[in-house]
Amino acid sequence: MKLVIKIGLGLLLAFIIYFLFLYFVSYSKGVRAGELIKFSHKGVVFKTWEGEISQGVSEAQTFIFSVEDSEKQVIEDLNNFQGHTVKLYYFERYKTLFWLGDTKYFITKVEKEP
C-alpha cells in the first residue's frame, strides 16, 4: 500500500513540475510588426483574447497571437490600435495552454508605429 502511495505522489509531483515548466519557462522572445487586422475576446467556457497582424501582402504572412487576461494595458492598447501598424513584444511557450489562449505566442507589450 505504501508503494502505491509513493508512486501516486511521484506521478503527481512530476505532473506539477511539468505544468510549472510549461507555464513559466519561455521558448523564445521577440518582436513582430504589422497591421493589426483582428483582435477579439472569444470562447465558450474559457474566454481568451486572440489577435492577428498582417506582415505582408498574402494571408500566409500573418502572425496569430494571444493575450493573457492580466495584461489589461495591452488589451486596451490593442483595442485602440485596430487597423494601425503596431509593434508587438511577445514570448513563446513550449505548448498551448487551452485556458490561456489558442496560440503559444503571448503579447507582453504593444507600441503603435508611425
PDB file of N, CA and C in Angstrom:
ATOM      1  N   MET A   1       0.814  -1.195   0.000  1.00  0.00           N
ATOM      2  CA  MET A   1       0.000   0.000   0.000  1.00  0.00           C
ATOM      3  C   MET A   1       0.863   1.267   0.000  1.00  0.00           C
ATOM      4  N   LYS A   2       1.948   1.244   0.766  1.00  0.00           N
ATOM      5  CA  LYS A   2       2.834   2.409   0.811  1.00  0.00           C
ATOM      6  C   LYS A   2       3.492   2.650  -0.541  1.00  0.00           C
ATOM      7  N   LEU A   3       3.780   1.589  -1.271  1.00  0.00           N
ATOM      8  CA  LEU A   3       4.388   1.732  -2.593  1.00  0.00           C
ATOM      9  C   LEU A   3       3.433   2.433  -3.557  1.00  0.00           C
ATOM     10  N   VAL A   4       2.166   2.083  -3.489  1.00  0.00           N
ATOM     11  CA  VAL A   4       1.164   2.706  -4.356  1.00  0.00           C
ATOM     12  C   VAL A   4       1.059   4.201  -4.048  1.00  0.00           C
ATOM     13  N   ILE A   5       1.085   4.560  -2.778  1.00  0.00           N
ATOM     14  CA  ILE A   5       1.019   5.967  -2.379  1.00  0.00           C
ATOM     15  C   ILE A   5       2.256   6.711  -2.863  1.00  0.00           C
ATOM     16  N   LYS A   6       3.426   6.111  -2.730  1.00  0.00           N
ATOM     17  CA  LYS A   6       4.666   6.745  -3.187  1.00  0.00           C
ATOM     18  C   LYS A   6       4.666   6.942  -4.699  1.00  0.00           C
ATOM     19  N   ILE A   7       4.194   5.965  -5.435  1.00  0.00           N
ATOM     20  CA  ILE A   7       4.111   6.081  -6.890  1.00  0.00           C
ATOM     21  C   ILE A   7       3.124   7.186  -7.276  1.00  0.00           C
ATOM     22  N   GLY A   8       1.977   7.215  -6.598  1.00  0.00           N
ATOM     23  CA  GLY A   8       0.971   8.243  -6.869  1.00  0.00           C
ATOM     24  C   GLY A   8       1.499   9.635  -6.579  1.00  0.00           C
ATOM     25  N   LEU A   9       2.179   9.810  -5.459  1.00  0.00           N
ATOM     26  CA  LEU A   9       2.750  11.111  -5.122  1.00  0.00           C
ATOM     27  C   LEU A   9       3.859  11.495  -6.099  1.00  0.00           C
ATOM     28  N   GLY A  10       4.642  10.516  -6.524  1.00  0.00           N
ATOM     29  CA  GLY A  10       5.691  10.779  -7.513  1.00  0.00           C
ATOM     30  C   GLY A  10       5.112  11.247  -8.840  1.00  0.00           C
ATOM     31  N   LEU A  11       4.034  10.591  -9.289  1.00  0.00           N
ATOM     32  CA  LEU A  11       3.378  10.998 -10.533  1.00  0.00           C
ATOM     33  C   LEU A  11       2.750  12.383 -10.405  1.00  0.00           C
ATOM     34  N   LEU A  12       2.143  12.666  -9.262  1.00  0.00           N
ATOM     35  CA  LEU A  12       1.558  13.982  -9.025  1.00  0.00           C
ATOM     36  C   LEU A  12       2.632  15.058  -9.033  1.00  0.00           C
ATOM     37  N   LEU A  13       3.755  14.804  -8.391  1.00  0.00           N
ATOM     38  CA  LEU A  13       4.863  15.752  -8.368  1.00  0.00           C
ATOM     39  C   LEU A  13       5.422  15.974  -9.776  1.00  0.00           C
ATOM     40  N   ALA A  14       5.550  14.911 -10.546  1.00  0.00           N
ATOM     41  CA  ALA A  14       6.037  15.032 -11.923  1.00  0.00           C
ATOM     42  C   ALA A  14       5.075  15.878 -12.765  1.00  0.00           C
ATOM     43  N   PHE A  15       3.776  15.685 -12.596  1.00  0.00           N
ATOM     44  CA  PHE A  15       2.785  16.466 -13.319  1.00  0.00           C
ATOM     45  C   PHE A  15       2.870  17.941 -12.936  1.00  0.00           C
ATOM     46  N   ILE A  16       3.012  18.235 -11.653  1.00  0.00           N
ATOM     47  CA  ILE A  16       3.106  19.624 -11.188  1.00  0.00           C
ATOM     48  C   ILE A  16       4.355  20.292 -11.754  1.00  0.00           C
ATOM     49  N   ILE A  17       5.484  19.602 -11.746  1.00  0.00           N
ATOM     50  CA  ILE A  17       6.721  20.152 -12.292  1.00  0.00           C
ATOM     51  C   ILE A  17       6.582  20.402 -13.789  1.00  0.00           C
ATOM     52  N   TYR A  18       5.968  19.470 -14.514  1.00  0.00           N
ATOM     53  CA  TYR A  18       5.746  19.631 -15.954  1.00  0.00           C
ATOM     54  C   TYR A  18       4.864  20.846 -16.230  1.00  0.00           C
ATOM     55  N   PHE A  19       3.771  20.997 -15.482  1.00  0.00           N
ATOM     56  CA  PHE A  19       2.874  22.128 -15.658  1.00  0.00           C
ATOM     57  C   PHE A  19       3.596  23.444 -15.368  1.00  0.00           C
ATOM     58  N   LEU A  20       4.350  23.509 -14.277  1.00  0.00           N
ATOM     59  CA  LEU A  20       5.086  24.730 -13.939  1.00  0.00           C
ATOM     60  C   LEU A  20       6.108  25.073 -15.016  1.00  0.00           C
ATOM     61  N   PHE A  21       6.746  24.066 -15.581  1.00  0.00           N
ATOM     62  CA  PHE A  21       7.692  24.288 -16.670  1.00  0.00           C
ATOM     63  C   PHE A  21       6.982  24.896 -17.873  1.00  0.00           C
ATOM     64  N   LEU A  22       5.843  24.342 -18.273  1.00  0.00           N
ATOM     65  CA  LEU A  22       5.103  24.862 -19.427  1.00  0.00           C
ATOM     66  C   LEU A  22       4.619  26.278 -19.198  1.00  0.00           C
ATOM     67  N   TYR A  23       4.245  26.619 -17.963  1.00  0.00           N
ATOM     68  CA  TYR A  23       3.682  27.937 -17.688  1.00  0.00           C
ATOM     69  C   TYR A  23       4.755  29.016 -17.554  1.00  0.00           C
ATOM     70  N   PHE A  24       5.851  28.727 -16.847  1.00  0.00           N
ATOM     71  CA  PHE A  24       6.813  29.770 -16.502  1.00  0.00           C
ATOM     72  C   PHE A  24       8.030  29.863 -17.422  1.00  0.00           C
ATOM     73  N   VAL A  25       8.369  28.806 -18.142  1.00  0.00           N
ATOM     74  CA  VAL A  25       9.565  28.821 -18.977  1.00  0.00           C
ATOM     75  C   VAL A  25       9.168  29.185 -20.402  1.00  0.00           C
ATOM     76  N   SER A  26       9.833  30.197 -20.955  1.00  0.00           N
ATOM     77  CA  SER A  26       9.512  30.588 -22.326  1.00  0.00           C
ATOM     78  C   SER A  26      10.511  29.958 -23.291  1.00  0.00           C
ATOM     79  N   TYR A  27      10.012  29.624 -24.463  1.00  0.00           N
ATOM     80  CA  TYR A  27      10.829  29.019 -25.512  1.00  0.00           C
ATOM     81  C   TYR A  27      11.611  30.089 -26.262  1.00  0.00           C
ATOM     82  N   SER A  28      10.946  31.224 -26.539  1.00  0.00           N
ATOM     83  CA  SER A  28      11.612  32.323 -27.233  1.00  0.00           C
ATOM     84  C   SER A  28      10.924  33.632 -26.892  1.00  0.00           C
ATOM     85  N   LYS A  29      11.621  34.726 -27.176  1.00  0.00           N
ATOM     86  CA  LYS A  29      11.077  36.068 -27.016  1.00  0.00           C
ATOM     87  C   LYS A  29      11.409  36.845 -28.275  1.00  0.00           C
ATOM     88  N   GLY A  30      10.578  37.820 -28.605  1.00  0.00           N
ATOM     89  CA  GLY A  30      10.866  38.585 -29.806  1.00  0.00           C
ATOM     90  C   GLY A  30       9.908  39.736 -30.026  1.00  0.00           C
ATOM     91  N   VAL A  31      10.037  40.332 -31.204  1.00  0.00           N
ATOM     92  CA  VAL A  31       9.221  41.471 -31.605  1.00  0.00           C
ATOM     93  C   VAL A  31       8.729  41.210 -33.028  1.00  0.00           C
ATOM     94  N   ARG A  32       7.463  41.493 -33.270  1.00  0.00           N
ATOM     95  CA  ARG A  32       6.894  41.404 -34.618  1.00  0.00           C
ATOM     96  C   ARG A  32       6.140  42.696 -34.895  1.00  0.00           C
ATOM     97  N   ALA A  33       6.127  43.097 -36.146  1.00  0.00           N
ATOM     98  CA  ALA A  33       5.416  44.316 -36.528  1.00  0.00           C
ATOM     99  C   ALA A  33       4.525  44.025 -37.720  1.00  0.00           C
ATOM    100  N   GLY A  34       3.416  44.717 -37.771  1.00  0.00           N
ATOM    101  CA  GLY A  34       2.483  44.570 -38.880  1.00  0.00           C
ATOM    102  C   GLY A  34       1.196  45.309 -38.586  1.00  0.00           C
ATOM    103  N   GLU A  35       0.269  45.221 -39.525  1.00  0.00           N
ATOM    104  CA  GLU A  35      -1.027  45.877 -39.370  1.00  0.00           C
ATOM    105  C   GLU A  35      -1.954  44.998 -38.546  1.00  0.00           C
ATOM    106  N   LEU A  36      -2.504  45.551 -37.482  1.00  0.00           N
ATOM    107  CA  LEU A  36      -3.442  44.818 -36.629  1.00  0.00           C
ATOM    108  C   LEU A  36      -4.761  44.671 -37.369  1.00  0.00           C
ATOM    109  N   ILE A  37      -5.077  43.440 -37.767  1.00  0.00           N
ATOM    110  CA  ILE A  37      -6.287  43.226 -38.563  1.00  0.00           C
ATOM    111  C   ILE A  37      -7.402  42.557 -37.777  1.00  0.00           C
ATOM    112  N   LYS A  38      -7.070  41.981 -36.599  1.00  0.00           N
ATOM    113  CA  LYS A  38      -8.110  41.292 -35.841  1.00  0.00           C
ATOM    114  C   LYS A  38      -7.700  41.238 -34.377  1.00  0.00           C
ATOM    115  N   PHE A  39      -8.662  41.523 -33.482  1.00  0.00           N
ATOM    116  CA  PHE A  39      -8.448  41.345 -32.047  1.00  0.00           C
ATOM    117  C   PHE A  39      -9.807  41.104 -31.418  1.00  0.00           C
ATOM    118  N   SER A  40      -9.976  39.966 -30.753  1.00  0.00           N
ATOM    119  CA  SER A  40     -11.292  39.621 -30.217  1.00  0.00           C
ATOM    120  C   SER A  40     -11.178  38.823 -28.922  1.00  0.00           C
ATOM    121  N   HIS A  41     -12.271  38.853 -28.174  1.00  0.00           N
ATOM    122  CA  HIS A  41     -12.413  38.102 -26.926  1.00  0.00           C
ATOM    123  C   HIS A  41     -13.358  36.951 -27.231  1.00  0.00           C
ATOM    124  N   LYS A  42     -12.846  35.717 -27.248  1.00  0.00           N
ATOM    125  CA  LYS A  42     -13.687  34.618 -27.712  1.00  0.00           C
ATOM    126  C   LYS A  42     -13.570  33.402 -26.802  1.00  0.00           C
ATOM    127  N   GLY A  43     -14.512  32.490 -26.972  1.00  0.00           N
ATOM    128  CA  GLY A  43     -14.517  31.250 -26.227  1.00  0.00           C
ATOM    129  C   GLY A  43     -15.866  30.999 -25.588  1.00  0.00           C
ATOM    130  N   VAL A  44     -16.119  29.725 -25.261  1.00  0.00           N
ATOM    131  CA  VAL A  44     -17.379  29.355 -24.629  1.00  0.00           C
ATOM    132  C   VAL A  44     -17.186  29.236 -23.123  1.00  0.00           C
ATOM    133  N   VAL A  45     -16.305  28.369 -22.709  1.00  0.00           N
ATOM    134  CA  VAL A  45     -16.048  28.158 -21.283  1.00  0.00           C
ATOM    135  C   VAL A  45     -14.901  29.055 -20.815  1.00  0.00           C
ATOM    136  N   PHE A  46     -13.806  29.035 -21.541  1.00  0.00           N
ATOM    137  CA  PHE A  46     -12.641  29.849 -21.221  1.00  0.00           C
ATOM    138  C   PHE A  46     -12.545  30.972 -22.249  1.00  0.00           C
ATOM    139  N   LYS A  47     -12.838  32.192 -21.837  1.00  0.00           N
ATOM    140  CA  LYS A  47     -12.747  33.364 -22.719  1.00  0.00           C
ATOM    141  C   LYS A  47     -11.287  33.783 -22.821  1.00  0.00           C
ATOM    142  N   THR A  48     -10.783  33.897 -24.048  1.00  0.00           N
ATOM    143  CA  THR A  48      -9.398  34.299 -24.270  1.00  0.00           C
ATOM    144  C   THR A  48      -9.347  35.434 -25.277  1.00  0.00           C
ATOM    145  N   TRP A  49      -8.301  36.237 -25.199  1.00  0.00           N
ATOM    146  CA  TRP A  49      -8.071  37.325 -26.142  1.00  0.00           C
ATOM    147  C   TRP A  49      -7.164  36.818 -27.241  1.00  0.00           C
ATOM    148  N   GLU A  50      -7.617  36.917 -28.484  1.00  0.00           N
ATOM    149  CA  GLU A  50      -6.869  36.428 -29.639  1.00  0.00           C
ATOM    150  C   GLU A  50      -6.774  37.534 -30.683  1.00  0.00           C
ATOM    151  N   GLY A  51      -5.649  37.585 -31.370  1.00  0.00           N
ATOM    152  CA  GLY A  51      -5.480  38.611 -32.382  1.00  0.00           C
ATOM    153  C   GLY A  51      -4.613  38.139 -33.528  1.00  0.00           C
ATOM    154  N   GLU A  52      -4.516  39.005 -34.528  1.00  0.00           N
ATOM    155  CA  GLU A  52      -3.761  38.672 -35.732  1.00  0.00           C
ATOM    156  C   GLU A  52      -3.233  39.956 -36.359  1.00  0.00           C
ATOM    157  N   ILE A  53      -1.968  39.915 -36.779  1.00  0.00           N
ATOM    158  CA  ILE A  53      -1.413  41.025 -37.538  1.00  0.00           C
ATOM    159  C   ILE A  53      -0.995  40.516 -38.906  1.00  0.00           C
ATOM    160  N   SER A  54      -1.103  41.394 -39.899  1.00  0.00           N
ATOM    161  CA  SER A  54      -0.669  41.090 -41.260  1.00  0.00           C
ATOM    162  C   SER A  54       0.741  41.629 -41.431  1.00  0.00           C
ATOM    163  N   GLN A  55       1.651  40.762 -41.865  1.00  0.00           N
ATOM    164  CA  GLN A  55       3.044  41.153 -42.048  1.00  0.00           C
ATOM    165  C   GLN A  55       3.429  41.248 -43.520  1.00  0.00           C
ATOM    166  N   GLY A  56       2.460  41.215 -44.386  1.00  0.00           N
ATOM    167  CA  GLY A  56       2.766  41.286 -45.816  1.00  0.00           C
ATOM    168  C   GLY A  56       1.508  41.290 -46.637  1.00  0.00           C
ATOM    169  N   VAL A  57       1.674  40.979 -47.911  1.00  0.00           N
ATOM    170  CA  VAL A  57       0.561  41.033 -48.851  1.00  0.00           C
ATOM    171  C   VAL A  57      -0.326  39.793 -48.750  1.00  0.00           C
ATOM    172  N   SER A  58       0.276  38.619 -48.631  1.00  0.00           N
ATOM    173  CA  SER A  58      -0.516  37.388 -48.656  1.00  0.00           C
ATOM    174  C   SER A  58      -0.994  37.014 -47.254  1.00  0.00           C
ATOM    175  N   GLU A  59      -2.012  36.144 -47.228  1.00  0.00           N
ATOM    176  CA  GLU A  59      -2.531  35.667 -45.947  1.00  0.00           C
ATOM    177  C   GLU A  59      -1.551  34.735 -45.247  1.00  0.00           C
ATOM    178  N   ALA A  60      -0.559  34.236 -45.975  1.00  0.00           N
ATOM    179  CA  ALA A  60       0.438  33.353 -45.373  1.00  0.00           C
ATOM    180  C   ALA A  60       1.380  34.121 -44.459  1.00  0.00           C
ATOM    181  N   GLN A  61       1.411  35.427 -44.584  1.00  0.00           N
ATOM    182  CA  GLN A  61       2.313  36.246 -43.779  1.00  0.00           C
ATOM    183  C   GLN A  61       1.551  36.927 -42.643  1.00  0.00           C
ATOM    184  N   THR A  62       0.874  36.126 -41.831  1.00  0.00           N
ATOM    185  CA  THR A  62       0.159  36.655 -40.676  1.00  0.00           C
ATOM    186  C   THR A  62       0.776  36.076 -39.412  1.00  0.00           C
ATOM    187  N   PHE A  63       0.629  36.792 -38.329  1.00  0.00           N
ATOM    188  CA  PHE A  63       1.101  36.365 -37.012  1.00  0.00           C
ATOM    189  C   PHE A  63      -0.104  36.331 -36.095  1.00  0.00           C
ATOM    190  N   ILE A  64      -0.436  35.154 -35.609  1.00  0.00           N
ATOM    191  CA  ILE A  64      -1.583  34.962 -34.728  1.00  0.00           C
ATOM    192  C   ILE A  64      -1.063  34.878 -33.300  1.00  0.00           C
ATOM    193  N   PHE A  65      -1.724  35.584 -32.377  1.00  0.00           N
ATOM    194  CA  PHE A  65      -1.227  35.677 -31.006  1.00  0.00           C
ATOM    195  C   PHE A  65      -2.365  35.666 -29.999  1.00  0.00           C
ATOM    196  N   SER A  66      -1.992  35.497 -28.736  1.00  0.00           N
ATOM    197  CA  SER A  66      -2.926  35.550 -27.616  1.00  0.00           C
ATOM    198  C   SER A  66      -2.442  36.591 -26.621  1.00  0.00           C
ATOM    199  N   VAL A  67      -3.360  37.032 -25.760  1.00  0.00           N
ATOM    200  CA  VAL A  67      -3.029  37.966 -24.692  1.00  0.00           C
ATOM    201  C   VAL A  67      -3.662  37.434 -23.412  1.00  0.00           C
ATOM    202  N   GLU A  68      -2.889  37.368 -22.347  1.00  0.00           N
ATOM    203  CA  GLU A  68      -3.427  36.914 -21.061  1.00  0.00           C
ATOM    204  C   GLU A  68      -4.335  37.979 -20.470  1.00  0.00           C
ATOM    205  N   ASP A  69      -5.351  37.561 -19.704  1.00  0.00           N
ATOM    206  CA  ASP A  69      -6.304  38.487 -19.100  1.00  0.00           C
ATOM    207  C   ASP A  69      -5.638  39.484 -18.160  1.00  0.00           C
ATOM    208  N   SER A  70      -4.514  39.128 -17.577  1.00  0.00           N
ATOM    209  CA  SER A  70      -3.842  40.019 -16.627  1.00  0.00           C
ATOM    210  C   SER A  70      -3.171  41.211 -17.310  1.00  0.00           C
ATOM    211  N   GLU A  71      -2.998  41.157 -18.620  1.00  0.00           N
ATOM    212  CA  GLU A  71      -2.349  42.238 -19.381  1.00  0.00           C
ATOM    213  C   GLU A  71      -3.387  43.285 -19.804  1.00  0.00           C
ATOM    214  N   LYS A  72      -3.934  43.998 -18.833  1.00  0.00           N
ATOM    215  CA  LYS A  72      -5.019  44.961 -19.092  1.00  0.00           C
ATOM    216  C   LYS A  72      -4.593  46.085 -20.044  1.00  0.00           C
ATOM    217  N   GLN A  73      -3.391  46.638 -19.861  1.00  0.00           N
ATOM    218  CA  GLN A  73      -2.935  47.740 -20.711  1.00  0.00           C
ATOM    219  C   GLN A  73      -2.745  47.278 -22.159  1.00  0.00           C
ATOM    220  N   VAL A  74      -2.221  46.063 -22.345  1.00  0.00           N
ATOM    221  CA  VAL A  74      -2.029  45.515 -23.688  1.00  0.00           C
ATOM    222  C   VAL A  74      -3.386  45.336 -24.377  1.00  0.00           C
ATOM    223  N   ILE A  75      -4.366  44.817 -23.651  1.00  0.00           N
ATOM    224  CA  ILE A  75      -5.706  44.620 -24.209  1.00  0.00           C
ATOM    225  C   ILE A  75      -6.312  45.954 -24.623  1.00  0.00           C
ATOM    226  N   GLU A  76      -6.189  46.950 -23.763  1.00  0.00           N
ATOM    227  CA  GLU A  76      -6.726  48.276 -24.077  1.00  0.00           C
ATOM    228  C   GLU A  76      -6.028  48.879 -25.300  1.00  0.00           C
ATOM    229  N   ASP A  77      -4.697  48.769 -25.348  1.00  0.00           N
ATOM    230  CA  ASP A  77      -3.953  49.306 -26.491  1.00  0.00           C
ATOM    231  C   ASP A  77      -4.337  48.615 -27.793  1.00  0.00           C
ATOM    232  N   LEU A  78      -4.446  47.292 -27.768  1.00  0.00           N
ATOM    233  CA  LEU A  78      -4.805  46.563 -28.986  1.00  0.00           C
ATOM    234  C   LEU A  78      -6.205  46.931 -29.459  1.00  0.00           C
ATOM    235  N   ASN A  79      -7.131  47.138 -28.543  1.00  0.00           N
ATOM    236  CA  ASN A  79      -8.473  47.578 -28.938  1.00  0.00           C
ATOM    237  C   ASN A  79      -8.433  48.959 -29.588  1.00  0.00           C
ATOM    238  N   ASN A  80      -7.561  49.832 -29.094  1.00  0.00           N
ATOM    239  CA  ASN A  80      -7.464  51.191 -29.632  1.00  0.00           C
ATOM    240  C   ASN A  80      -6.695  51.258 -30.947  1.00  0.00           C
ATOM    241  N   PHE A  81      -5.767  50.327 -31.191  1.00  0.00           N
ATOM    242  CA  PHE A  81      -4.897  50.388 -32.370  1.00  0.00           C
ATOM    243  C   PHE A  81      -5.400  49.550 -33.543  1.00  0.00           C
ATOM    244  N   GLN A  82      -6.644  49.125 -33.506  1.00  0.00           N
ATOM    245  CA  GLN A  82      -7.215  48.316 -34.581  1.00  0.00           C
ATOM    246  C   GLN A  82      -7.055  49.028 -35.919  1.00  0.00           C
ATOM    247  N   GLY A  83      -6.465  48.328 -36.913  1.00  0.00           N
ATOM    248  CA  GLY A  83      -6.286  48.884 -38.244  1.00  0.00           C
ATOM    249  C   GLY A  83      -5.001  49.666 -38.429  1.00  0.00           C
ATOM    250  N   HIS A  84      -4.224  49.838 -37.370  1.00  0.00           N
ATOM    251  CA  HIS A  84      -2.963  50.574 -37.445  1.00  0.00           C
ATOM    252  C   HIS A  84      -1.778  49.599 -37.455  1.00  0.00           C
ATOM    253  N   THR A  85      -0.617  50.111 -37.825  1.00  0.00           N
ATOM    254  CA  THR A  85       0.610  49.323 -37.759  1.00  0.00           C
ATOM    255  C   THR A  85       1.122  49.343 -36.323  1.00  0.00           C
ATOM    256  N   VAL A  86       1.395  48.155 -35.794  1.00  0.00           N
ATOM    257  CA  VAL A  86       1.831  48.024 -34.405  1.00  0.00           C
ATOM    258  C   VAL A  86       3.098  47.178 -34.321  1.00  0.00           C
ATOM    259  N   LYS A  87       3.809  47.350 -33.227  1.00  0.00           N
ATOM    260  CA  LYS A  87       4.959  46.516 -32.910  1.00  0.00           C
ATOM    261  C   LYS A  87       4.589  45.725 -31.654  1.00  0.00           C
ATOM    262  N   LEU A  88       4.656  44.394 -31.741  1.00  0.00           N
ATOM    263  CA  LEU A  88       4.265  43.519 -30.645  1.00  0.00           C
ATOM    264  C   LEU A  88       5.481  42.852 -30.031  1.00  0.00           C
ATOM    265  N   TYR A  89       5.605  42.964 -28.727  1.00  0.00           N
ATOM    266  CA  TYR A  89       6.644  42.255 -27.973  1.00  0.00           C
ATOM    267  C   TYR A  89       5.988  41.005 -27.394  1.00  0.00           C
ATOM    268  N   TYR A  90       6.600  39.855 -27.618  1.00  0.00           N
ATOM    269  CA  TYR A  90       5.951  38.607 -27.233  1.00  0.00           C
ATOM    270  C   TYR A  90       6.956  37.614 -26.651  1.00  0.00           C
ATOM    271  N   PHE A  91       6.399  36.590 -26.010  1.00  0.00           N
ATOM    272  CA  PHE A  91       7.178  35.422 -25.644  1.00  0.00           C
ATOM    273  C   PHE A  91       6.410  34.194 -26.110  1.00  0.00           C
ATOM    274  N   GLU A  92       7.145  33.133 -26.372  1.00  0.00           N
ATOM    275  CA  GLU A  92       6.547  31.890 -26.868  1.00  0.00           C
ATOM    276  C   GLU A  92       6.694  30.808 -25.821  1.00  0.00           C
ATOM    277  N   ARG A  93       5.604  30.130 -25.523  1.00  0.00           N
ATOM    278  CA  ARG A  93       5.641  28.987 -24.607  1.00  0.00           C
ATOM    279  C   ARG A  93       5.913  27.717 -25.413  1.00  0.00           C
ATOM    280  N   TYR A  94       6.299  26.659 -24.708  1.00  0.00           N
ATOM    281  CA  TYR A  94       6.571  25.384 -25.371  1.00  0.00           C
ATOM    282  C   TYR A  94       5.309  24.742 -25.931  1.00  0.00           C
ATOM    283  N   LYS A  95       4.184  24.895 -25.254  1.00  0.00           N
ATOM    284  CA  LYS A  95       2.920  24.296 -25.681  1.00  0.00           C
ATOM    285  C   LYS A  95       1.791  25.290 -25.459  1.00  0.00           C
ATOM    286  N   THR A  96       0.673  25.052 -26.102  1.00  0.00           N
ATOM    287  CA  THR A  96      -0.509  25.875 -25.849  1.00  0.00           C
ATOM    288  C   THR A  96      -1.181  25.382 -24.573  1.00  0.00           C
ATOM    289  N   LEU A  97      -1.695  26.309 -23.801  1.00  0.00           N
ATOM    290  CA  LEU A  97      -2.477  26.006 -22.607  1.00  0.00           C
ATOM    291  C   LEU A  97      -3.878  26.533 -22.873  1.00  0.00           C
ATOM    292  N   PHE A  98      -4.838  25.626 -23.066  1.00  0.00           N
ATOM    293  CA  PHE A  98      -6.140  25.979 -23.621  1.00  0.00           C
ATOM    294  C   PHE A  98      -6.885  27.043 -22.819  1.00  0.00           C
ATOM    295  N   TRP A  99      -6.652  27.179 -21.555  1.00  0.00           N
ATOM    296  CA  TRP A  99      -7.360  28.179 -20.760  1.00  0.00           C
ATOM    297  C   TRP A  99      -6.698  29.561 -20.843  1.00  0.00           C
ATOM    298  N   LEU A 100      -5.513  29.651 -21.468  1.00  0.00           N
ATOM    299  CA  LEU A 100      -4.829  30.931 -21.620  1.00  0.00           C
ATOM    300  C   LEU A 100      -4.964  31.500 -23.030  1.00  0.00           C
ATOM    301  N   GLY A 101      -5.082  30.647 -24.032  1.00  0.00           N
ATOM    302  CA  GLY A 101      -5.188  31.131 -25.399  1.00  0.00           C
ATOM    303  C   GLY A 101      -5.035  30.014 -26.406  1.00  0.00           C
ATOM    304  N   ASP A 102      -5.303  30.345 -27.672  1.00  0.00           N
ATOM    305  CA  ASP A 102      -5.239  29.358 -28.745  1.00  0.00           C
ATOM    306  C   ASP A 102      -3.837  29.179 -29.318  1.00  0.00           C
ATOM    307  N   THR A 103      -2.913  30.059 -28.959  1.00  0.00           N
ATOM    308  CA  THR A 103      -1.573  30.002 -29.542  1.00  0.00           C
ATOM    309  C   THR A 103      -0.513  29.872 -28.451  1.00  0.00           C
ATOM    310  N   LYS A 104       0.734  29.698 -28.892  1.00  0.00           N
ATOM    311  CA  LYS A 104       1.875  29.657 -27.977  1.00  0.00           C
ATOM    312  C   LYS A 104       2.494  31.036 -27.807  1.00  0.00           C
ATOM    313  N   TYR A 105       2.019  32.033 -28.565  1.00  0.00           N
ATOM    314  CA  TYR A 105       2.592  33.373 -28.564  1.00  0.00           C
ATOM    315  C   TYR A 105       1.747  34.318 -27.715  1.00  0.00           C
ATOM    316  N   PHE A 106       2.364  34.920 -26.696  1.00  0.00           N
ATOM    317  CA  PHE A 106       1.655  35.795 -25.776  1.00  0.00           C
ATOM    318  C   PHE A 106       2.293  37.180 -25.783  1.00  0.00           C
ATOM    319  N   ILE A 107       1.457  38.196 -25.995  1.00  0.00           N
ATOM    320  CA  ILE A 107       1.925  39.570 -26.115  1.00  0.00           C
ATOM    321  C   ILE A 107       2.106  40.173 -24.719  1.00  0.00           C
ATOM    322  N   THR A 108       3.248  40.851 -24.525  1.00  0.00           N
ATOM    323  CA  THR A 108       3.535  41.497 -23.245  1.00  0.00           C
ATOM    324  C   THR A 108       3.542  43.017 -23.352  1.00  0.00           C
ATOM    325  N   LYS A 109       3.722  43.537 -24.567  1.00  0.00           N
ATOM    326  CA  LYS A 109       3.782  44.991 -24.771  1.00  0.00           C
ATOM    327  C   LYS A 109       3.423  45.283 -26.223  1.00  0.00           C
ATOM    328  N   VAL A 110       2.772  46.418 -26.435  1.00  0.00           N
ATOM    329  CA  VAL A 110       2.404  46.820 -27.787  1.00  0.00           C
ATOM    330  C   VAL A 110       2.714  48.304 -27.960  1.00  0.00           C
ATOM    331  N   GLU A 111       3.244  48.655 -29.135  1.00  0.00           N
ATOM    332  CA  GLU A 111       3.525  50.043 -29.478  1.00  0.00           C
ATOM    333  C   GLU A 111       2.932  50.334 -30.846  1.00  0.00           C
ATOM    334  N   LYS A 112       2.368  51.534 -30.992  1.00  0.00           N
ATOM    335  CA  LYS A 112       1.854  51.962 -32.291  1.00  0.00           C
ATOM    336  C   LYS A 112       2.994  52.513 -33.115  1.00  0.00           C
ATOM    337  N   GLU A 113       3.112  52.039 -34.333  1.00  0.00           N
ATOM    338  CA  GLU A 113       4.176  52.500 -35.242  1.00  0.00           C
ATOM    339  C   GLU A 113       3.680  53.707 -36.028  1.00  0.00           C
ATOM    340  N   PRO A 114       4.576  54.637 -36.362  1.00  0.00           N
ATOM    341  CA  PRO A 114       4.168  55.817 -37.144  1.00  0.00           C
ATOM    342  C   PRO A 114       3.796  55.445 -38.578  1.00  0.00           C
TER     343      PRO A 114
END
